[in-house]
Amino acid sequence: MTACEVCGNDYWMAFEVRTVDGSRHTFDCFECAVHKMAPICEHCQIKIVGHGVEVSGRFFCCAHCARAVEGEQGAEVRDAVGARPA
């Protein structure tokens, strides 16, 4: 068995996540994986679990937060939520 690097639980169904840079992380649940790996919105400070938005190398949970911080580039970001095709 392998112990979760966040909570220390030694669980037979633990899983490994490999990142782009080659790092390896072991977790016993998705909650611990999100806690350790999810980026944090630079405006409202929540964990970004969904798609999020990246502007100028900075991460935001939504277009609203990107617009609040990133000026002209942020103003160009749009969320698809609620958008309906014509």
PDB file of N, CA and C in Angstrom:
ATOM      1  N   MET A   1       0.845  -1.197   0.000  1.00  0.00           N
ATOM      2  CA  MET A   1       0.000   0.000   0.000  1.00  0.00           C
ATOM      3  C   MET A   1       0.880   1.246   0.000  1.00  0.00           C
ATOM      4  N   THR A   2       0.288   2.334  -0.442  1.00  0.00           N
ATOM      5  CA  THR A   2       1.022   3.591  -0.525  1.00  0.00           C
ATOM      6  C   THR A   2       0.277   4.673   0.247  1.00  0.00           C
ATOM      7  N   ALA A   3       1.017   5.485   0.978  1.00  0.00           N
ATOM      8  CA  ALA A   3       0.404   6.537   1.793  1.00  0.00           C
ATOM      9  C   ALA A   3       0.162   7.797   0.970  1.00  0.00           C
ATOM     10  N   CYS A   4      -0.974   8.434   1.232  1.00  0.00           N
ATOM     11  CA  CYS A   4      -1.324   9.709   0.601  1.00  0.00           C
ATOM     12  C   CYS A   4      -0.375  10.795   1.119  1.00  0.00           C
ATOM     13  N   GLU A   5       0.150  11.614   0.225  1.00  0.00           N
ATOM     14  CA  GLU A   5       1.099  12.651   0.651  1.00  0.00           C
ATOM     15  C   GLU A   5       0.428  13.834   1.328  1.00  0.00           C
ATOM     16  N   VAL A   6      -0.907  13.917   1.280  1.00  0.00           N
ATOM     17  CA  VAL A   6      -1.606  15.009   1.956  1.00  0.00           C
ATOM     18  C   VAL A   6      -2.056  14.592   3.350  1.00  0.00           C
ATOM     19  N   CYS A   7      -2.808  13.492   3.433  1.00  0.00           N
ATOM     20  CA  CYS A   7      -3.385  13.102   4.728  1.00  0.00           C
ATOM     21  C   CYS A   7      -2.656  11.954   5.413  1.00  0.00           C
ATOM     22  N   GLY A   8      -1.790  11.266   4.674  1.00  0.00           N
ATOM     23  CA  GLY A   8      -1.027  10.177   5.260  1.00  0.00           C
ATOM     24  C   GLY A   8      -1.746   8.841   5.317  1.00  0.00           C
ATOM     25  N   ASN A   9      -2.994   8.798   4.825  1.00  0.00           N
ATOM     26  CA  ASN A   9      -3.759   7.554   4.832  1.00  0.00           C
ATOM     27  C   ASN A   9      -3.067   6.507   3.963  1.00  0.00           C
ATOM     28  N   ASP A  10      -2.884   5.328   4.504  1.00  0.00           N
ATOM     29  CA  ASP A  10      -2.256   4.225   3.791  1.00  0.00           C
ATOM     30  C   ASP A  10      -3.380   3.384   3.187  1.00  0.00           C
ATOM     31  N   TYR A  11      -3.637   3.563   1.906  1.00  0.00           N
ATOM     32  CA  TYR A  11      -4.840   3.032   1.262  1.00  0.00           C
ATOM     33  C   TYR A  11      -4.476   2.147   0.084  1.00  0.00           C
ATOM     34  N   TRP A  12      -5.107   0.983  -0.033  1.00  0.00           N
ATOM     35  CA  TRP A  12      -4.784   0.040  -1.101  1.00  0.00           C
ATOM     36  C   TRP A  12      -5.194   0.548  -2.479  1.00  0.00           C
ATOM     37  N   MET A  13      -6.106   1.531  -2.557  1.00  0.00           N
ATOM     38  CA  MET A  13      -6.521   2.076  -3.851  1.00  0.00           C
ATOM     39  C   MET A  13      -5.935   3.465  -4.125  1.00  0.00           C
ATOM     40  N   ALA A  14      -4.848   3.796  -3.452  1.00  0.00           N
ATOM     41  CA  ALA A  14      -4.184   5.084  -3.701  1.00  0.00           C
ATOM     42  C   ALA A  14      -3.781   5.150  -5.168  1.00  0.00           C
ATOM     43  N   PHE A  15      -3.672   6.361  -5.690  1.00  0.00           N
ATOM     44  CA  PHE A  15      -3.311   6.540  -7.096  1.00  0.00           C
ATOM     45  C   PHE A  15      -2.198   7.564  -7.234  1.00  0.00           C
ATOM     46  N   GLU A  16      -1.538   7.519  -8.352  1.00  0.00           N
ATOM     47  CA  GLU A  16      -0.417   8.413  -8.614  1.00  0.00           C
ATOM     48  C   GLU A  16      -0.779   9.398  -9.721  1.00  0.00           C
ATOM     49  N   VAL A  17      -0.389  10.644  -9.536  1.00  0.00           N
ATOM     50  CA  VAL A  17      -0.562  11.676 -10.554  1.00  0.00           C
ATOM     51  C   VAL A  17       0.826  12.114 -11.000  1.00  0.00           C
ATOM     52  N   ARG A  18       1.034  12.124 -12.307  1.00  0.00           N
ATOM     53  CA  ARG A  18       2.307  12.596 -12.866  1.00  0.00           C
ATOM     54  C   ARG A  18       2.061  13.935 -13.555  1.00  0.00           C
ATOM     55  N   THR A  19       2.913  14.902 -13.263  1.00  0.00           N
ATOM     56  CA  THR A  19       2.750  16.232 -13.839  1.00  0.00           C
ATOM     57  C   THR A  19       3.611  16.394 -15.090  1.00  0.00           C
ATOM     58  N   VAL A  20       3.412  17.483 -15.782  1.00  0.00           N
ATOM     59  CA  VAL A  20       4.151  17.763 -17.011  1.00  0.00           C
ATOM     60  C   VAL A  20       5.655  17.801 -16.770  1.00  0.00           C
ATOM     61  N   ASP A  21       6.060  18.314 -15.608  1.00  0.00           N
ATOM     62  CA  ASP A  21       7.503  18.404 -15.323  1.00  0.00           C
ATOM     63  C   ASP A  21       8.101  17.095 -14.813  1.00  0.00           C
ATOM     64  N   GLY A  22       7.289  16.027 -14.755  1.00  0.00           N
ATOM     65  CA  GLY A  22       7.788  14.725 -14.340  1.00  0.00           C
ATOM     66  C   GLY A  22       7.610  14.404 -12.864  1.00  0.00           C
ATOM     67  N   SER A  23       7.088  15.349 -12.089  1.00  0.00           N
ATOM     68  CA  SER A  23       6.842  15.095 -10.668  1.00  0.00           C
ATOM     69  C   SER A  23       5.775  14.016 -10.507  1.00  0.00           C
ATOM     70  N   ARG A  24       5.881  13.261  -9.434  1.00  0.00           N
ATOM     71  CA  ARG A  24       4.897  12.229  -9.121  1.00  0.00           C
ATOM     72  C   ARG A  24       4.308  12.505  -7.750  1.00  0.00           C
ATOM     73  N   HIS A  25       3.007  12.371  -7.651  1.00  0.00           N
ATOM     74  CA  HIS A  25       2.297  12.604  -6.391  1.00  0.00           C
ATOM     75  C   HIS A  25       1.353  11.439  -6.137  1.00  0.00           C
ATOM     76  N   THR A  26       1.242  11.016  -4.888  1.00  0.00           N
ATOM     77  CA  THR A  26       0.367   9.911  -4.518  1.00  0.00           C
ATOM     78  C   THR A  26      -0.741  10.416  -3.596  1.00  0.00           C
ATOM     79  N   PHE A  27      -1.980  10.038  -3.923  1.00  0.00           N
ATOM     80  CA  PHE A  27      -3.149  10.471  -3.156  1.00  0.00           C
ATOM     81  C   PHE A  27      -4.070   9.293  -2.903  1.00  0.00           C
ATOM     82  N   ASP A  28      -4.861   9.399  -1.849  1.00  0.00           N
ATOM     83  CA  ASP A  28      -5.846   8.356  -1.568  1.00  0.00           C
ATOM     84  C   ASP A  28      -7.236   8.733  -2.054  1.00  0.00           C
ATOM     85  N   CYS A  29      -7.437   9.995  -2.441  1.00  0.00           N
ATOM     86  CA  CYS A  29      -8.743  10.446  -2.937  1.00  0.00           C
ATOM     87  C   CYS A  29      -8.567  11.719  -3.765  1.00  0.00           C
ATOM     88  N   PHE A  30      -9.600  12.043  -4.535  1.00  0.00           N
ATOM     89  CA  PHE A  30      -9.536  13.254  -5.354  1.00  0.00           C
ATOM     90  C   PHE A  30      -9.510  14.515  -4.500  1.00  0.00           C
ATOM     91  N   GLU A  31     -10.153  14.476  -3.351  1.00  0.00           N
ATOM     92  CA  GLU A  31     -10.145  15.640  -2.461  1.00  0.00           C
ATOM     93  C   GLU A  31      -8.714  16.033  -2.086  1.00  0.00           C
ATOM     94  N   CYS A  32      -7.895  15.052  -1.737  1.00  0.00           N
ATOM     95  CA  CYS A  32      -6.504  15.346  -1.390  1.00  0.00           C
ATOM     96  C   CYS A  32      -5.719  15.823  -2.613  1.00  0.00           C
ATOM     97  N   ALA A  33      -6.001  15.237  -3.781  1.00  0.00           N
ATOM     98  CA  ALA A  33      -5.322  15.661  -5.004  1.00  0.00           C
ATOM     99  C   ALA A  33      -5.652  17.119  -5.330  1.00  0.00           C
ATOM    100  N   VAL A  34      -6.916  17.490  -5.212  1.00  0.00           N
ATOM    101  CA  VAL A  34      -7.329  18.875  -5.465  1.00  0.00           C
ATOM    102  C   VAL A  34      -6.677  19.803  -4.451  1.00  0.00           C
ATOM    103  N   HIS A  35      -6.693  19.417  -3.193  1.00  0.00           N
ATOM    104  CA  HIS A  35      -6.095  20.245  -2.138  1.00  0.00           C
ATOM    105  C   HIS A  35      -4.632  20.558  -2.442  1.00  0.00           C
ATOM    106  N   LYS A  36      -3.904  19.568  -2.922  1.00  0.00           N
ATOM    107  CA  LYS A  36      -2.467  19.735  -3.182  1.00  0.00           C
ATOM    108  C   LYS A  36      -2.172  20.396  -4.526  1.00  0.00           C
ATOM    109  N   MET A  37      -2.938  20.066  -5.569  1.00  0.00           N
ATOM    110  CA  MET A  37      -2.522  20.405  -6.919  1.00  0.00           C
ATOM    111  C   MET A  37      -3.316  21.503  -7.627  1.00  0.00           C
ATOM    112  N   ALA A  38      -4.534  21.768  -7.204  1.00  0.00           N
ATOM    113  CA  ALA A  38      -5.349  22.747  -7.919  1.00  0.00           C
ATOM    114  C   ALA A  38      -4.772  24.155  -7.774  1.00  0.00           C
ATOM    115  N   PRO A  39      -4.716  24.890  -8.883  1.00  0.00           N
ATOM    116  CA  PRO A  39      -4.260  26.285  -8.780  1.00  0.00           C
ATOM    117  C   PRO A  39      -5.285  27.118  -8.012  1.00  0.00           C
ATOM    118  N   ILE A  40      -4.858  28.267  -7.522  1.00  0.00           N
ATOM    119  CA  ILE A  40      -5.727  29.160  -6.758  1.00  0.00           C
ATOM    120  C   ILE A  40      -5.990  30.416  -7.576  1.00  0.00           C
ATOM    121  N   CYS A  41      -7.259  30.823  -7.638  1.00  0.00           N
ATOM    122  CA  CYS A  41      -7.641  32.029  -8.377  1.00  0.00           C
ATOM    123  C   CYS A  41      -6.928  33.237  -7.765  1.00  0.00           C
ATOM    124  N   GLU A  42      -6.296  34.024  -8.623  1.00  0.00           N
ATOM    125  CA  GLU A  42      -5.536  35.183  -8.135  1.00  0.00           C
ATOM    126  C   GLU A  42      -6.421  36.347  -7.708  1.00  0.00           C
ATOM    127  N   HIS A  43      -7.722  36.243  -7.959  1.00  0.00           N
ATOM    128  CA  HIS A  43      -8.622  37.310  -7.530  1.00  0.00           C
ATOM    129  C   HIS A  43      -9.399  36.923  -6.270  1.00  0.00           C
ATOM    130  N   CYS A  44     -10.125  35.804  -6.320  1.00  0.00           N
ATOM    131  CA  CYS A  44     -10.980  35.441  -5.180  1.00  0.00           C
ATOM    132  C   CYS A  44     -10.389  34.356  -4.284  1.00  0.00           C
ATOM    133  N   GLN A  45      -9.250  33.801  -4.668  1.00  0.00           N
ATOM    134  CA  GLN A  45      -8.498  32.845  -3.851  1.00  0.00           C
ATOM    135  C   GLN A  45      -9.146  31.464  -3.682  1.00  0.00           C
ATOM    136  N   ILE A  46     -10.111  31.088  -4.548  1.00  0.00           N
ATOM    137  CA  ILE A  46     -10.655  29.739  -4.427  1.00  0.00           C
ATOM    138  C   ILE A  46      -9.820  28.763  -5.247  1.00  0.00           C
ATOM    139  N   LYS A  47      -9.914  27.475  -4.937  1.00  0.00           N
ATOM    140  CA  LYS A  47      -9.237  26.438  -5.717  1.00  0.00           C
ATOM    141  C   LYS A  47      -9.951  26.307  -7.058  1.00  0.00           C
ATOM    142  N   ILE A  48      -9.184  26.263  -8.126  1.00  0.00           N
ATOM    143  CA  ILE A  48      -9.756  26.136  -9.457  1.00  0.00           C
ATOM    144  C   ILE A  48      -9.823  24.654  -9.803  1.00  0.00           C
ATOM    145  N   VAL A  49     -11.035  24.108  -9.761  1.00  0.00           N
ATOM    146  CA  VAL A  49     -11.229  22.690 -10.017  1.00  0.00           C
ATOM    147  C   VAL A  49     -11.701  22.474 -11.446  1.00  0.00           C
ATOM    148  N   GLY A  50     -12.385  23.439 -12.029  1.00  0.00           N
ATOM    149  CA  GLY A  50     -12.865  23.340 -13.411  1.00  0.00           C
ATOM    150  C   GLY A  50     -11.826  23.856 -14.385  1.00  0.00           C
ATOM    151  N   HIS A  51     -12.304  24.332 -15.518  1.00  0.00           N
ATOM    152  CA  HIS A  51     -11.402  24.799 -16.573  1.00  0.00           C
ATOM    153  C   HIS A  51     -10.604  26.023 -16.176  1.00  0.00           C
ATOM    154  N   GLY A  52     -11.252  26.997 -15.570  1.00  0.00           N
ATOM    155  CA  GLY A  52     -10.547  28.217 -15.208  1.00  0.00           C
ATOM    156  C   GLY A  52     -10.122  29.015 -16.424  1.00  0.00           C
ATOM    157  N   VAL A  53      -9.406  30.085 -16.179  1.00  0.00           N
ATOM    158  CA  VAL A  53      -8.946  30.990 -17.231  1.00  0.00           C
ATOM    159  C   VAL A  53      -7.504  31.365 -16.928  1.00  0.00           C
ATOM    160  N   GLU A  54      -6.664  31.375 -17.949  1.00  0.00           N
ATOM    161  CA  GLU A  54      -5.284  31.821 -17.792  1.00  0.00           C
ATOM    162  C   GLU A  54      -5.084  33.070 -18.633  1.00  0.00           C
ATOM    163  N   VAL A  55      -4.615  34.134 -18.002  1.00  0.00           N
ATOM    164  CA  VAL A  55      -4.324  35.386 -18.696  1.00  0.00           C
ATOM    165  C   VAL A  55      -2.938  35.839 -18.255  1.00  0.00           C
ATOM    166  N   SER A  56      -2.058  36.037 -19.197  1.00  0.00           N
ATOM    167  CA  SER A  56      -0.700  36.504 -18.909  1.00  0.00           C
ATOM    168  C   SER A  56       0.014  35.620 -17.881  1.00  0.00           C
ATOM    169  N   GLY A  57      -0.224  34.309 -17.950  1.00  0.00           N
ATOM    170  CA  GLY A  57       0.433  33.385 -17.030  1.00  0.00           C
ATOM    171  C   GLY A  57      -0.154  33.355 -15.632  1.00  0.00           C
ATOM    172  N   ARG A  58      -1.283  34.023 -15.424  1.00  0.00           N
ATOM    173  CA  ARG A  58      -1.954  34.040 -14.127  1.00  0.00           C
ATOM    174  C   ARG A  58      -3.270  33.277 -14.246  1.00  0.00           C
ATOM    175  N   PHE A  59      -3.651  32.562 -13.183  1.00  0.00           N
ATOM    176  CA  PHE A  59      -4.843  31.721 -13.228  1.00  0.00           C
ATOM    177  C   PHE A  59      -6.006  32.341 -12.468  1.00  0.00           C
ATOM    178  N   PHE A  60      -7.195  32.213 -13.075  1.00  0.00           N
ATOM    179  CA  PHE A  60      -8.432  32.728 -12.490  1.00  0.00           C
ATOM    180  C   PHE A  60      -9.511  31.670 -12.612  1.00  0.00           C
ATOM    181  N   CYS A  61     -10.472  31.678 -11.701  1.00  0.00           N
ATOM    182  CA  CYS A  61     -11.529  30.674 -11.735  1.00  0.00           C
ATOM    183  C   CYS A  61     -12.553  30.958 -12.825  1.00  0.00           C
ATOM    184  N   CYS A  62     -12.677  32.218 -13.251  1.00  0.00           N
ATOM    185  CA  CYS A  62     -13.690  32.578 -14.250  1.00  0.00           C
ATOM    186  C   CYS A  62     -13.307  33.891 -14.944  1.00  0.00           C
ATOM    187  N   ALA A  63     -14.066  34.224 -15.987  1.00  0.00           N
ATOM    188  CA  ALA A  63     -13.804  35.455 -16.739  1.00  0.00           C
ATOM    189  C   ALA A  63     -14.006  36.689 -15.868  1.00  0.00           C
ATOM    190  N   HIS A  64     -14.987  36.659 -14.978  1.00  0.00           N
ATOM    191  CA  HIS A  64     -15.232  37.807 -14.102  1.00  0.00           C
ATOM    192  C   HIS A  64     -13.988  38.160 -13.300  1.00  0.00           C
ATOM    193  N   CYS A  65     -13.347  37.150 -12.714  1.00  0.00           N
ATOM    194  CA  CYS A  65     -12.143  37.395 -11.911  1.00  0.00           C
ATOM    195  C   CYS A  65     -10.989  37.864 -12.803  1.00  0.00           C
ATOM    196  N   ALA A  66     -10.866  37.303 -13.991  1.00  0.00           N
ATOM    197  CA  ALA A  66      -9.808  37.732 -14.918  1.00  0.00           C
ATOM    198  C   ALA A  66     -10.012  39.188 -15.312  1.00  0.00           C
ATOM    199  N   ARG A  67     -11.254  39.579 -15.587  1.00  0.00           N
ATOM    200  CA  ARG A  67     -11.531  40.976 -15.962  1.00  0.00           C
ATOM    201  C   ARG A  67     -11.246  41.927 -14.811  1.00  0.00           C
ATOM    202  N   ALA A  68     -11.498  41.479 -13.587  1.00  0.00           N
ATOM    203  CA  ALA A  68     -11.285  42.328 -12.410  1.00  0.00           C
ATOM    204  C   ALA A  68      -9.816  42.640 -12.186  1.00  0.00           C
ATOM    205  N   VAL A  69      -8.924  41.782 -12.643  1.00  0.00           N
ATOM    206  CA  VAL A  69      -7.501  41.928 -12.355  1.00  0.00           C
ATOM    207  C   VAL A  69      -6.669  42.306 -13.576  1.00  0.00           C
ATOM    208  N   GLU A  70      -6.987  41.768 -14.722  1.00  0.00           N
ATOM    209  CA  GLU A  70      -6.090  41.836 -15.872  1.00  0.00           C
ATOM    210  C   GLU A  70      -6.341  42.938 -16.893  1.00  0.00           C
ATOM    211  N   GLY A  71      -7.123  43.932 -16.600  1.00  0.00           N
ATOM    212  CA  GLY A  71      -7.279  45.078 -17.497  1.00  0.00           C
ATOM    213  C   GLY A  71      -7.704  44.711 -18.908  1.00  0.00           C
ATOM    214  N   GLU A  72      -6.962  45.202 -19.910  1.00  0.00           N
ATOM    215  CA  GLU A  72      -7.344  45.011 -21.320  1.00  0.00           C
ATOM    216  C   GLU A  72      -7.406  43.541 -21.727  1.00  0.00           C
ATOM    217  N   GLN A  73      -6.394  42.764 -21.372  1.00  0.00           N
ATOM    218  CA  GLN A  73      -6.412  41.340 -21.737  1.00  0.00           C
ATOM    219  C   GLN A  73      -7.545  40.614 -21.023  1.00  0.00           C
ATOM    220  N   GLY A  74      -7.787  40.947 -19.787  1.00  0.00           N
ATOM    221  CA  GLY A  74      -8.878  40.334 -19.039  1.00  0.00           C
ATOM    222  C   GLY A  74     -10.230  40.703 -19.607  1.00  0.00           C
ATOM    223  N   ALA A  75     -10.349  41.911 -20.146  1.00  0.00           N
ATOM    224  CA  ALA A  75     -11.615  42.364 -20.728  1.00  0.00           C
ATOM    225  C   ALA A  75     -12.023  41.524 -21.923  1.00  0.00           C
ATOM    226  N   GLU A  76     -11.077  40.874 -22.559  1.00  0.00           N
ATOM    227  CA  GLU A  76     -11.375  40.054 -23.735  1.00  0.00           C
ATOM    228  C   GLU A  76     -11.859  38.648 -23.374  1.00  0.00           C
ATOM    229  N   VAL A  77     -11.715  38.241 -22.124  1.00  0.00           N
ATOM    230  CA  VAL A  77     -12.093  36.899 -21.701  1.00  0.00           C
ATOM    231  C   VAL A  77     -13.595  36.834 -21.493  1.00  0.00           C
ATOM    232  N   ARG A  78     -14.211  35.755 -21.992  1.00  0.00           N
ATOM    233  CA  ARG A  78     -15.648  35.548 -21.846  1.00  0.00           C
ATOM    234  C   ARG A  78     -15.906  34.135 -21.333  1.00  0.00           C
ATOM    235  N   ASP A  79     -16.863  34.004 -20.407  1.00  0.00           N
ATOM    236  CA  ASP A  79     -17.324  32.700 -19.965  1.00  0.00           C
ATOM    237  C   ASP A  79     -18.363  32.184 -20.955  1.00  0.00           C
ATOM    238  N   ALA A  80     -18.444  30.877 -21.091  1.00  0.00           N
ATOM    239  CA  ALA A  80     -19.454  30.280 -21.961  1.00  0.00           C
ATOM    240  C   ALA A  80     -20.729  29.946 -21.195  1.00  0.00           C
ATOM    241  N   VAL A  81     -20.672  30.014 -19.869  1.00  0.00           N
ATOM    242  CA  VAL A  81     -21.824  29.682 -19.055  1.00  0.00           C
ATOM    243  C   VAL A  81     -22.967  30.637 -19.360  1.00  0.00           C
ATOM    244  N   GLY A  82     -24.114  30.085 -19.652  1.00  0.00           N
ATOM    245  CA  GLY A  82     -25.292  30.903 -19.931  1.00  0.00           C
ATOM    246  C   GLY A  82     -25.371  31.383 -21.373  1.00  0.00           C
ATOM    247  N   ALA A  83     -24.294  31.215 -22.140  1.00  0.00           N
ATOM    248  CA  ALA A  83     -24.318  31.645 -23.539  1.00  0.00           C
ATOM    249  C   ALA A  83     -25.140  30.655 -24.348  1.00  0.00           C
ATOM    250  N   ARG A  84     -25.988  31.200 -25.200  1.00  0.00           N
ATOM    251  CA  ARG A  84     -26.816  30.341 -26.049  1.00  0.00           C
ATOM    252  C   ARG A  84     -26.560  30.668 -27.507  1.00  0.00           C
ATOM    253  N   PRO A  85     -26.404  29.640 -28.310  1.00  0.00           N
ATOM    254  CA  PRO A  85     -26.186  29.914 -29.744  1.00  0.00           C
ATOM    255  C   PRO A  85     -27.402  30.603 -30.349  1.00  0.00           C
ATOM    256  N   ALA A  86     -27.155  31.462 -31.312  1.00  0.00           N
ATOM    257  CA  ALA A  86     -28.245  32.209 -31.963  1.00  0.00           C
ATOM    258  C   ALA A  86     -29.020  31.333 -32.918  1.00  0.00           C
TER     259      ALA A  86
END
